[in-house]
Amino acid sequence: MGIGASPESRPRSPGNVSLYTRVCATLSRLSLMLAVAGLIAIVLSVQWQVFGRYVLNDTPTWAEALALLLVLFVTAFGLAVGVRDAGHIGLESVVALLPERWQRRIELLIHALVALFGGFMVYGGWQWASAKWGEKKPMLPLPDGIDYVPLIIAGVLIVLFSIEHIVANLQGREVEPAWN
């Protein structure tokens, strides 16, 4: 739910949502599914590492490195879904004290700043991924720059989802969470 808006004061999305909203909802659902799959893969990887260490007496060196890499991807996907579904940290109680027209302006500003932050994530992630792509990870047969790809993915999704919120706000409607 938007900042300072009660369910009764903001209209719901109409039945005919835009193509952009449908694409964003699909990307959000896909991100959520990838995050869940990543969490399962992390659990399996760590279980295999424990099994290898204590049962086989042969610790698989790749398992921990894979789990750490997967944590980055799970976090990135979860962060992006949180931005779309308005699950990010906010100061709604302070904004709710403002007049309604200022609430809307502040909400637009917040989404614009979140989009800007997403853009910085893309830029910084791209810089680091490019700089580290030629190096190899010690325990995985992957380039070291892969660690920064989740930052780029999350940044792109955050920009897309923030734009969706801005457009919805200007149209006087809410963005429905993708998992509804």
N, C-alpha and C. Protein backbone atom coordinates (compact mmCIF):
# COMPACT_ATOMS: atom_id res chain seq x y z
N MET A 1 0.85 -1.17 0.00
CA MET A 1 0.00 0.00 0.00
C MET A 1 0.89 1.23 0.00
N GLY A 2 0.45 2.25 -0.64
CA GLY A 2 1.23 3.48 -0.75
C GLY A 2 1.36 4.21 0.56
N ILE A 3 2.21 5.16 0.57
CA ILE A 3 2.48 5.92 1.77
C ILE A 3 1.26 6.73 2.17
N GLY A 4 0.83 6.53 3.39
CA GLY A 4 -0.25 7.33 3.94
C GLY A 4 -1.62 7.08 3.35
N ALA A 5 -1.75 6.06 2.55
CA ALA A 5 -3.04 5.82 1.91
C ALA A 5 -3.76 4.67 2.59
N SER A 6 -5.01 4.88 2.88
CA SER A 6 -5.81 3.80 3.43
C SER A 6 -6.42 3.03 2.27
N PRO A 7 -6.82 1.77 2.49
CA PRO A 7 -7.39 1.00 1.39
C PRO A 7 -8.61 1.66 0.77
N GLU A 8 -9.36 2.42 1.54
CA GLU A 8 -10.57 3.05 1.02
C GLU A 8 -10.27 4.31 0.22
N SER A 9 -9.15 4.98 0.48
CA SER A 9 -8.89 6.27 -0.15
C SER A 9 -8.22 6.15 -1.52
N ARG A 10 -7.61 5.00 -1.82
CA ARG A 10 -6.94 4.84 -3.11
C ARG A 10 -7.68 3.81 -3.94
N PRO A 11 -8.00 4.13 -5.19
CA PRO A 11 -8.70 3.17 -6.03
C PRO A 11 -7.81 1.98 -6.36
N ARG A 12 -8.42 0.84 -6.54
CA ARG A 12 -7.69 -0.35 -6.93
C ARG A 12 -7.42 -0.31 -8.43
N SER A 13 -6.51 -1.15 -8.86
CA SER A 13 -6.20 -1.22 -10.28
C SER A 13 -7.42 -1.68 -11.05
N PRO A 14 -7.66 -1.09 -12.21
CA PRO A 14 -8.77 -1.56 -13.02
C PRO A 14 -8.48 -2.95 -13.56
N GLY A 15 -9.52 -3.61 -14.02
CA GLY A 15 -9.37 -4.95 -14.55
C GLY A 15 -8.45 -5.00 -15.76
N ASN A 16 -8.44 -3.95 -16.54
CA ASN A 16 -7.59 -3.93 -17.73
C ASN A 16 -6.29 -3.19 -17.41
N VAL A 17 -5.30 -3.92 -16.93
CA VAL A 17 -4.03 -3.31 -16.58
C VAL A 17 -3.18 -3.18 -17.83
N SER A 18 -2.25 -2.27 -17.80
CA SER A 18 -1.40 -2.01 -18.96
C SER A 18 -0.43 -3.17 -19.19
N LEU A 19 0.09 -3.21 -20.39
CA LEU A 19 1.09 -4.22 -20.74
C LEU A 19 2.31 -4.07 -19.83
N TYR A 20 2.70 -2.84 -19.55
CA TYR A 20 3.85 -2.59 -18.69
C TYR A 20 3.63 -3.19 -17.30
N THR A 21 2.44 -3.02 -16.74
CA THR A 21 2.12 -3.57 -15.43
C THR A 21 2.15 -5.09 -15.47
N ARG A 22 1.61 -5.67 -16.54
CA ARG A 22 1.63 -7.13 -16.66
C ARG A 22 3.06 -7.65 -16.77
N VAL A 23 3.91 -6.94 -17.51
CA VAL A 23 5.32 -7.34 -17.63
C VAL A 23 6.00 -7.24 -16.27
N CYS A 24 5.77 -6.14 -15.57
CA CYS A 24 6.38 -5.97 -14.24
C CYS A 24 5.89 -7.04 -13.27
N ALA A 25 4.61 -7.35 -13.30
CA ALA A 25 4.07 -8.40 -12.42
C ALA A 25 4.69 -9.75 -12.75
N THR A 26 4.86 -10.02 -14.03
CA THR A 26 5.49 -11.28 -14.45
C THR A 26 6.95 -11.33 -14.01
N LEU A 27 7.67 -10.23 -14.18
CA LEU A 27 9.06 -10.17 -13.74
C LEU A 27 9.16 -10.34 -12.22
N SER A 28 8.22 -9.76 -11.50
CA SER A 28 8.22 -9.88 -10.05
C SER A 28 7.96 -11.33 -9.62
N ARG A 29 6.97 -11.97 -10.25
CA ARG A 29 6.68 -13.37 -9.92
C ARG A 29 7.87 -14.26 -10.28
N LEU A 30 8.48 -14.02 -11.43
CA LEU A 30 9.65 -14.79 -11.84
C LEU A 30 10.81 -14.59 -10.86
N SER A 31 11.01 -13.35 -10.44
CA SER A 31 12.06 -13.06 -9.46
C SER A 31 11.80 -13.78 -8.14
N LEU A 32 10.55 -13.79 -7.73
CA LEU A 32 10.19 -14.49 -6.49
C LEU A 32 10.44 -15.99 -6.62
N MET A 33 10.08 -16.56 -7.76
CA MET A 33 10.31 -18.00 -7.97
C MET A 33 11.81 -18.31 -8.01
N LEU A 34 12.58 -17.45 -8.66
CA LEU A 34 14.03 -17.65 -8.70
C LEU A 34 14.65 -17.52 -7.32
N ALA A 35 14.13 -16.60 -6.51
CA ALA A 35 14.63 -16.45 -5.14
C ALA A 35 14.34 -17.71 -4.33
N VAL A 36 13.14 -18.26 -4.47
CA VAL A 36 12.79 -19.49 -3.74
C VAL A 36 13.66 -20.65 -4.22
N ALA A 37 13.84 -20.77 -5.55
CA ALA A 37 14.70 -21.82 -6.09
C ALA A 37 16.13 -21.65 -5.58
N GLY A 38 16.58 -20.41 -5.51
CA GLY A 38 17.92 -20.13 -4.99
C GLY A 38 18.06 -20.52 -3.53
N LEU A 39 17.02 -20.25 -2.73
CA LEU A 39 17.05 -20.65 -1.32
C LEU A 39 17.13 -22.17 -1.18
N ILE A 40 16.37 -22.87 -2.00
CA ILE A 40 16.43 -24.33 -1.97
C ILE A 40 17.82 -24.82 -2.36
N ALA A 41 18.40 -24.19 -3.40
CA ALA A 41 19.74 -24.57 -3.83
C ALA A 41 20.78 -24.28 -2.75
N ILE A 42 20.61 -23.19 -2.01
CA ILE A 42 21.52 -22.88 -0.91
C ILE A 42 21.45 -23.97 0.15
N VAL A 43 20.23 -24.33 0.53
CA VAL A 43 20.06 -25.37 1.55
C VAL A 43 20.70 -26.68 1.09
N LEU A 44 20.46 -27.07 -0.17
CA LEU A 44 21.03 -28.31 -0.69
C LEU A 44 22.55 -28.25 -0.74
N SER A 45 23.08 -27.11 -1.15
CA SER A 45 24.53 -26.94 -1.22
C SER A 45 25.17 -27.05 0.16
N VAL A 46 24.58 -26.39 1.14
CA VAL A 46 25.13 -26.45 2.49
C VAL A 46 24.98 -27.86 3.07
N GLN A 47 23.86 -28.51 2.80
CA GLN A 47 23.67 -29.88 3.28
C GLN A 47 24.71 -30.82 2.65
N TRP A 48 24.98 -30.62 1.36
CA TRP A 48 25.99 -31.45 0.71
C TRP A 48 27.37 -31.20 1.32
N GLN A 49 27.66 -29.96 1.65
CA GLN A 49 28.95 -29.64 2.26
C GLN A 49 29.08 -30.32 3.62
N VAL A 50 28.03 -30.26 4.42
CA VAL A 50 28.05 -30.90 5.74
C VAL A 50 28.17 -32.42 5.59
N PHE A 51 27.41 -32.99 4.67
CA PHE A 51 27.47 -34.43 4.42
C PHE A 51 28.88 -34.84 3.99
N GLY A 52 29.44 -34.07 3.07
CA GLY A 52 30.79 -34.37 2.60
C GLY A 52 31.83 -34.27 3.71
N ARG A 53 31.68 -33.27 4.54
CA ARG A 53 32.67 -33.06 5.62
C ARG A 53 32.58 -34.14 6.69
N TYR A 54 31.38 -34.44 7.14
CA TYR A 54 31.24 -35.32 8.31
C TYR A 54 30.98 -36.78 7.96
N VAL A 55 30.44 -37.06 6.79
CA VAL A 55 30.16 -38.45 6.43
C VAL A 55 31.24 -38.99 5.49
N LEU A 56 31.54 -38.25 4.45
CA LEU A 56 32.53 -38.70 3.48
C LEU A 56 33.96 -38.33 3.87
N ASN A 57 34.09 -37.47 4.87
CA ASN A 57 35.39 -36.96 5.30
C ASN A 57 36.15 -36.32 4.14
N ASP A 58 35.40 -35.68 3.25
CA ASP A 58 35.98 -35.01 2.09
C ASP A 58 35.11 -33.78 1.79
N THR A 59 35.52 -32.63 2.29
CA THR A 59 34.73 -31.42 2.14
C THR A 59 34.73 -30.94 0.69
N PRO A 60 33.54 -30.82 0.09
CA PRO A 60 33.49 -30.26 -1.27
C PRO A 60 33.76 -28.76 -1.22
N THR A 61 34.84 -28.34 -1.83
CA THR A 61 35.25 -26.93 -1.73
C THR A 61 34.30 -25.99 -2.47
N TRP A 62 33.62 -26.48 -3.48
CA TRP A 62 32.75 -25.64 -4.28
C TRP A 62 31.44 -25.30 -3.58
N ALA A 63 31.02 -26.11 -2.61
CA ALA A 63 29.69 -25.96 -2.01
C ALA A 63 29.52 -24.63 -1.29
N GLU A 64 30.51 -24.24 -0.51
CA GLU A 64 30.40 -22.96 0.21
C GLU A 64 30.44 -21.78 -0.75
N ALA A 65 31.33 -21.85 -1.74
CA ALA A 65 31.42 -20.76 -2.72
C ALA A 65 30.11 -20.62 -3.50
N LEU A 66 29.50 -21.75 -3.85
CA LEU A 66 28.22 -21.71 -4.57
C LEU A 66 27.12 -21.13 -3.68
N ALA A 67 27.09 -21.55 -2.42
CA ALA A 67 26.07 -21.02 -1.49
C ALA A 67 26.21 -19.51 -1.33
N LEU A 68 27.44 -19.02 -1.21
CA LEU A 68 27.65 -17.58 -1.07
C LEU A 68 27.21 -16.82 -2.32
N LEU A 69 27.49 -17.37 -3.50
CA LEU A 69 27.06 -16.74 -4.74
C LEU A 69 25.54 -16.74 -4.84
N LEU A 70 24.92 -17.84 -4.47
CA LEU A 70 23.46 -17.92 -4.51
C LEU A 70 22.81 -16.93 -3.55
N VAL A 71 23.44 -16.68 -2.41
CA VAL A 71 22.91 -15.70 -1.46
C VAL A 71 22.82 -14.33 -2.14
N LEU A 72 23.80 -13.98 -2.95
CA LEU A 72 23.77 -12.69 -3.64
C LEU A 72 22.58 -12.61 -4.59
N PHE A 73 22.34 -13.69 -5.34
CA PHE A 73 21.22 -13.69 -6.28
C PHE A 73 19.88 -13.68 -5.55
N VAL A 74 19.75 -14.48 -4.49
CA VAL A 74 18.49 -14.52 -3.73
C VAL A 74 18.19 -13.15 -3.14
N THR A 75 19.21 -12.50 -2.61
CA THR A 75 19.03 -11.17 -2.03
C THR A 75 18.61 -10.16 -3.10
N ALA A 76 19.24 -10.23 -4.26
CA ALA A 76 18.90 -9.29 -5.34
C ALA A 76 17.46 -9.47 -5.79
N PHE A 77 17.05 -10.71 -6.01
CA PHE A 77 15.67 -10.95 -6.45
C PHE A 77 14.67 -10.55 -5.37
N GLY A 78 14.98 -10.88 -4.13
CA GLY A 78 14.09 -10.50 -3.03
C GLY A 78 13.98 -8.99 -2.87
N LEU A 79 15.08 -8.31 -3.03
CA LEU A 79 15.08 -6.85 -2.93
C LEU A 79 14.19 -6.23 -4.00
N ALA A 80 14.34 -6.71 -5.22
CA ALA A 80 13.53 -6.17 -6.32
C ALA A 80 12.04 -6.41 -6.09
N VAL A 81 11.68 -7.61 -5.66
CA VAL A 81 10.27 -7.92 -5.38
C VAL A 81 9.76 -7.04 -4.25
N GLY A 82 10.59 -6.81 -3.26
CA GLY A 82 10.20 -5.94 -2.15
C GLY A 82 9.91 -4.51 -2.60
N VAL A 83 10.67 -4.02 -3.56
CA VAL A 83 10.43 -2.68 -4.08
C VAL A 83 9.10 -2.64 -4.84
N ARG A 84 8.83 -3.64 -5.66
CA ARG A 84 7.58 -3.63 -6.42
C ARG A 84 6.37 -3.78 -5.51
N ASP A 85 6.48 -4.65 -4.54
CA ASP A 85 5.34 -4.91 -3.66
C ASP A 85 5.30 -3.96 -2.47
N ALA A 86 6.09 -2.87 -2.55
CA ALA A 86 6.14 -1.83 -1.52
C ALA A 86 6.47 -2.41 -0.16
N GLY A 87 7.38 -3.37 -0.15
CA GLY A 87 7.79 -3.97 1.11
C GLY A 87 9.08 -3.38 1.65
N HIS A 88 9.57 -2.33 1.02
CA HIS A 88 10.81 -1.73 1.48
C HIS A 88 10.56 -0.83 2.69
N ILE A 89 11.62 -0.49 3.35
CA ILE A 89 11.52 0.32 4.56
C ILE A 89 11.04 1.72 4.20
N GLY A 90 10.10 2.23 4.95
CA GLY A 90 9.59 3.57 4.69
C GLY A 90 9.18 4.25 6.00
N LEU A 91 8.98 5.53 5.92
CA LEU A 91 8.54 6.30 7.09
C LEU A 91 7.10 6.74 6.87
N GLU A 92 6.23 5.78 6.70
CA GLU A 92 4.84 6.09 6.37
C GLU A 92 4.13 6.86 7.46
N SER A 93 4.49 6.63 8.70
CA SER A 93 3.78 7.32 9.78
C SER A 93 4.03 8.83 9.74
N VAL A 94 5.21 9.25 9.34
CA VAL A 94 5.52 10.67 9.24
C VAL A 94 4.78 11.28 8.05
N VAL A 95 4.81 10.59 6.92
CA VAL A 95 4.17 11.10 5.71
C VAL A 95 2.65 11.14 5.88
N ALA A 96 2.11 10.21 6.63
CA ALA A 96 0.66 10.16 6.84
C ALA A 96 0.13 11.40 7.56
N LEU A 97 0.98 12.13 8.24
CA LEU A 97 0.57 13.34 8.93
C LEU A 97 0.43 14.54 8.00
N LEU A 98 0.96 14.41 6.78
CA LEU A 98 0.89 15.51 5.82
C LEU A 98 -0.46 15.53 5.11
N PRO A 99 -0.82 16.68 4.53
CA PRO A 99 -2.04 16.72 3.71
C PRO A 99 -1.92 15.73 2.55
N GLU A 100 -3.07 15.27 2.06
CA GLU A 100 -3.09 14.21 1.04
C GLU A 100 -2.31 14.59 -0.22
N ARG A 101 -2.40 15.84 -0.68
CA ARG A 101 -1.68 16.21 -1.91
C ARG A 101 -0.17 16.15 -1.69
N TRP A 102 0.29 16.43 -0.46
CA TRP A 102 1.72 16.33 -0.17
C TRP A 102 2.15 14.88 -0.01
N GLN A 103 1.24 14.06 0.49
CA GLN A 103 1.54 12.63 0.59
C GLN A 103 1.87 12.07 -0.78
N ARG A 104 1.06 12.43 -1.75
CA ARG A 104 1.26 11.94 -3.12
C ARG A 104 2.59 12.44 -3.68
N ARG A 105 2.91 13.69 -3.44
CA ARG A 105 4.17 14.25 -3.94
C ARG A 105 5.37 13.55 -3.29
N ILE A 106 5.27 13.34 -1.99
CA ILE A 106 6.37 12.67 -1.29
C ILE A 106 6.52 11.24 -1.80
N GLU A 107 5.38 10.57 -2.04
CA GLU A 107 5.43 9.21 -2.57
C GLU A 107 6.10 9.20 -3.95
N LEU A 108 5.78 10.16 -4.81
CA LEU A 108 6.43 10.26 -6.11
C LEU A 108 7.93 10.49 -5.96
N LEU A 109 8.29 11.37 -5.03
CA LEU A 109 9.70 11.64 -4.78
C LEU A 109 10.42 10.39 -4.29
N ILE A 110 9.80 9.65 -3.40
CA ILE A 110 10.42 8.43 -2.87
C ILE A 110 10.65 7.43 -3.99
N HIS A 111 9.65 7.22 -4.84
CA HIS A 111 9.83 6.26 -5.93
C HIS A 111 10.87 6.74 -6.93
N ALA A 112 10.94 8.04 -7.16
CA ALA A 112 11.98 8.58 -8.06
C ALA A 112 13.37 8.37 -7.46
N LEU A 113 13.50 8.58 -6.15
CA LEU A 113 14.79 8.36 -5.50
C LEU A 113 15.18 6.88 -5.48
N VAL A 114 14.20 6.01 -5.30
CA VAL A 114 14.47 4.57 -5.34
C VAL A 114 14.91 4.18 -6.75
N ALA A 115 14.27 4.74 -7.77
CA ALA A 115 14.67 4.47 -9.16
C ALA A 115 16.10 4.97 -9.41
N LEU A 116 16.42 6.13 -8.90
CA LEU A 116 17.77 6.68 -9.04
C LEU A 116 18.79 5.76 -8.37
N PHE A 117 18.45 5.27 -7.18
CA PHE A 117 19.32 4.34 -6.47
C PHE A 117 19.51 3.07 -7.30
N GLY A 118 18.41 2.57 -7.90
CA GLY A 118 18.51 1.40 -8.77
C GLY A 118 19.44 1.66 -9.96
N GLY A 119 19.35 2.86 -10.51
CA GLY A 119 20.25 3.23 -11.60
C GLY A 119 21.71 3.22 -11.16
N PHE A 120 21.98 3.71 -9.96
CA PHE A 120 23.34 3.67 -9.42
C PHE A 120 23.80 2.22 -9.20
N MET A 121 22.86 1.36 -8.81
CA MET A 121 23.20 -0.06 -8.64
C MET A 121 23.63 -0.66 -9.97
N VAL A 122 22.89 -0.35 -11.03
CA VAL A 122 23.22 -0.87 -12.36
C VAL A 122 24.60 -0.35 -12.78
N TYR A 123 24.81 0.94 -12.64
CA TYR A 123 26.07 1.54 -13.06
C TYR A 123 27.26 0.96 -12.28
N GLY A 124 27.14 0.96 -10.96
CA GLY A 124 28.23 0.45 -10.14
C GLY A 124 28.46 -1.04 -10.34
N GLY A 125 27.37 -1.79 -10.43
CA GLY A 125 27.50 -3.23 -10.67
C GLY A 125 28.17 -3.52 -11.99
N TRP A 126 27.80 -2.75 -13.02
CA TRP A 126 28.41 -2.95 -14.33
C TRP A 126 29.91 -2.63 -14.29
N GLN A 127 30.26 -1.54 -13.60
CA GLN A 127 31.67 -1.17 -13.49
C GLN A 127 32.48 -2.28 -12.82
N TRP A 128 31.98 -2.78 -11.70
CA TRP A 128 32.69 -3.83 -10.97
C TRP A 128 32.70 -5.15 -11.73
N ALA A 129 31.58 -5.53 -12.31
CA ALA A 129 31.53 -6.79 -13.07
C ALA A 129 32.51 -6.74 -14.24
N SER A 130 32.55 -5.61 -14.94
CA SER A 130 33.47 -5.47 -16.06
C SER A 130 34.92 -5.55 -15.60
N ALA A 131 35.21 -4.91 -14.48
CA ALA A 131 36.59 -4.89 -13.98
C ALA A 131 37.05 -6.27 -13.51
N LYS A 132 36.13 -7.08 -12.98
CA LYS A 132 36.50 -8.37 -12.39
C LYS A 132 36.20 -9.56 -13.30
N TRP A 133 35.62 -9.33 -14.48
CA TRP A 133 35.18 -10.44 -15.32
C TRP A 133 36.35 -11.30 -15.81
N GLY A 134 37.50 -10.73 -15.98
CA GLY A 134 38.66 -11.49 -16.46
C GLY A 134 39.29 -12.38 -15.41
N GLU A 135 38.97 -12.18 -14.15
CA GLU A 135 39.52 -13.00 -13.07
C GLU A 135 38.60 -14.19 -12.83
N LYS A 136 39.18 -15.28 -12.36
CA LYS A 136 38.39 -16.49 -12.09
C LYS A 136 38.17 -16.66 -10.59
N LYS A 137 37.00 -17.20 -10.25
CA LYS A 137 36.71 -17.50 -8.85
C LYS A 137 37.57 -18.70 -8.45
N PRO A 138 38.11 -18.69 -7.23
CA PRO A 138 39.02 -19.78 -6.84
C PRO A 138 38.34 -21.15 -6.71
N MET A 139 37.10 -21.21 -6.28
CA MET A 139 36.46 -22.50 -6.02
C MET A 139 35.40 -22.88 -7.04
N LEU A 140 35.05 -21.97 -7.94
CA LEU A 140 34.03 -22.24 -8.94
C LEU A 140 34.59 -21.90 -10.33
N PRO A 141 34.15 -22.63 -11.35
CA PRO A 141 34.63 -22.32 -12.70
C PRO A 141 33.84 -21.16 -13.33
N LEU A 142 33.83 -20.04 -12.64
CA LEU A 142 33.08 -18.86 -13.08
C LEU A 142 33.97 -17.64 -12.98
N PRO A 143 33.67 -16.61 -13.76
CA PRO A 143 34.43 -15.36 -13.61
C PRO A 143 34.09 -14.68 -12.29
N ASP A 144 35.07 -14.00 -11.72
CA ASP A 144 34.87 -13.32 -10.44
C ASP A 144 33.83 -12.21 -10.54
N GLY A 145 33.66 -11.66 -11.74
CA GLY A 145 32.68 -10.59 -11.94
C GLY A 145 31.24 -11.04 -11.78
N ILE A 146 30.99 -12.34 -11.73
CA ILE A 146 29.63 -12.85 -11.57
C ILE A 146 29.02 -12.38 -10.25
N ASP A 147 29.88 -12.07 -9.28
CA ASP A 147 29.38 -11.58 -7.98
C ASP A 147 28.61 -10.28 -8.11
N TYR A 148 28.85 -9.52 -9.16
CA TYR A 148 28.22 -8.21 -9.32
C TYR A 148 27.01 -8.23 -10.26
N VAL A 149 26.78 -9.35 -10.91
CA VAL A 149 25.62 -9.48 -11.80
C VAL A 149 24.30 -9.33 -11.03
N PRO A 150 24.18 -9.89 -9.82
CA PRO A 150 22.93 -9.68 -9.08
C PRO A 150 22.64 -8.20 -8.80
N LEU A 151 23.68 -7.42 -8.61
CA LEU A 151 23.51 -5.99 -8.39
C LEU A 151 22.92 -5.32 -9.62
N ILE A 152 23.38 -5.74 -10.79
CA ILE A 152 22.86 -5.20 -12.04
C ILE A 152 21.40 -5.61 -12.25
N ILE A 153 21.12 -6.89 -12.04
CA ILE A 153 19.75 -7.40 -12.22
C ILE A 153 18.79 -6.68 -11.27
N ALA A 154 19.16 -6.60 -10.00
CA ALA A 154 18.30 -5.93 -9.02
C ALA A 154 18.11 -4.47 -9.38
N GLY A 155 19.17 -3.80 -9.82
CA GLY A 155 19.06 -2.39 -10.18
C GLY A 155 18.10 -2.16 -11.34
N VAL A 156 18.20 -2.99 -12.37
CA VAL A 156 17.30 -2.86 -13.52
C VAL A 156 15.85 -3.08 -13.08
N LEU A 157 15.62 -4.14 -12.29
CA LEU A 157 14.26 -4.42 -11.82
C LEU A 157 13.73 -3.31 -10.93
N ILE A 158 14.57 -2.75 -10.08
CA ILE A 158 14.15 -1.66 -9.20
C ILE A 158 13.75 -0.44 -10.02
N VAL A 159 14.51 -0.12 -11.05
CA VAL A 159 14.16 1.01 -11.91
C VAL A 159 12.81 0.74 -12.58
N LEU A 160 12.64 -0.44 -13.14
CA LEU A 160 11.37 -0.78 -13.81
C LEU A 160 10.19 -0.71 -12.84
N PHE A 161 10.37 -1.27 -11.66
CA PHE A 161 9.28 -1.31 -10.69
C PHE A 161 8.98 0.07 -10.11
N SER A 162 10.00 0.89 -9.96
CA SER A 162 9.78 2.26 -9.46
C SER A 162 9.02 3.09 -10.49
N ILE A 163 9.37 2.91 -11.76
CA ILE A 163 8.63 3.61 -12.82
C ILE A 163 7.17 3.17 -12.80
N GLU A 164 6.94 1.88 -12.60
CA GLU A 164 5.57 1.39 -12.52
C GLU A 164 4.81 2.07 -11.38
N HIS A 165 5.46 2.22 -10.23
CA HIS A 165 4.82 2.89 -9.09
C HIS A 165 4.55 4.36 -9.40
N ILE A 166 5.48 5.03 -10.05
CA ILE A 166 5.29 6.44 -10.39
C ILE A 166 4.09 6.60 -11.33
N VAL A 167 4.03 5.77 -12.36
CA VAL A 167 2.92 5.85 -13.31
C VAL A 167 1.60 5.55 -12.61
N ALA A 168 1.58 4.52 -11.78
CA ALA A 168 0.36 4.17 -11.06
C ALA A 168 -0.07 5.30 -10.14
N ASN A 169 0.89 5.92 -9.48
CA ASN A 169 0.57 7.04 -8.58
C ASN A 169 -0.02 8.21 -9.36
N LEU A 170 0.56 8.51 -10.51
CA LEU A 170 0.05 9.61 -11.33
C LEU A 170 -1.36 9.30 -11.86
N GLN A 171 -1.66 8.02 -12.05
CA GLN A 171 -2.98 7.61 -12.51
C GLN A 171 -3.96 7.42 -11.35
N GLY A 172 -3.48 7.60 -10.12
CA GLY A 172 -4.32 7.48 -8.95
C GLY A 172 -4.70 6.05 -8.60
N ARG A 173 -3.80 5.11 -8.88
CA ARG A 173 -4.09 3.72 -8.54
C ARG A 173 -2.90 3.10 -7.81
N GLU A 174 -3.10 1.91 -7.28
CA GLU A 174 -2.08 1.17 -6.56
C GLU A 174 -1.50 0.08 -7.44
N VAL A 175 -0.26 -0.28 -7.19
CA VAL A 175 0.35 -1.43 -7.84
C VAL A 175 0.01 -2.64 -6.98
N GLU A 176 -0.65 -3.60 -7.59
CA GLU A 176 -1.03 -4.82 -6.87
C GLU A 176 0.18 -5.72 -6.74
N PRO A 177 0.46 -6.26 -5.55
CA PRO A 177 1.57 -7.19 -5.41
C PRO A 177 1.41 -8.38 -6.35
N ALA A 178 2.49 -8.85 -6.90
CA ALA A 178 2.45 -9.93 -7.89
C ALA A 178 2.02 -11.26 -7.28
N TRP A 179 2.22 -11.43 -6.00
CA TRP A 179 1.88 -12.71 -5.37
C TRP A 179 0.43 -12.77 -4.95
N ASN A 180 -0.37 -11.73 -5.20
CA ASN A 180 -1.81 -11.76 -4.89
C ASN A 180 -2.56 -12.57 -5.90
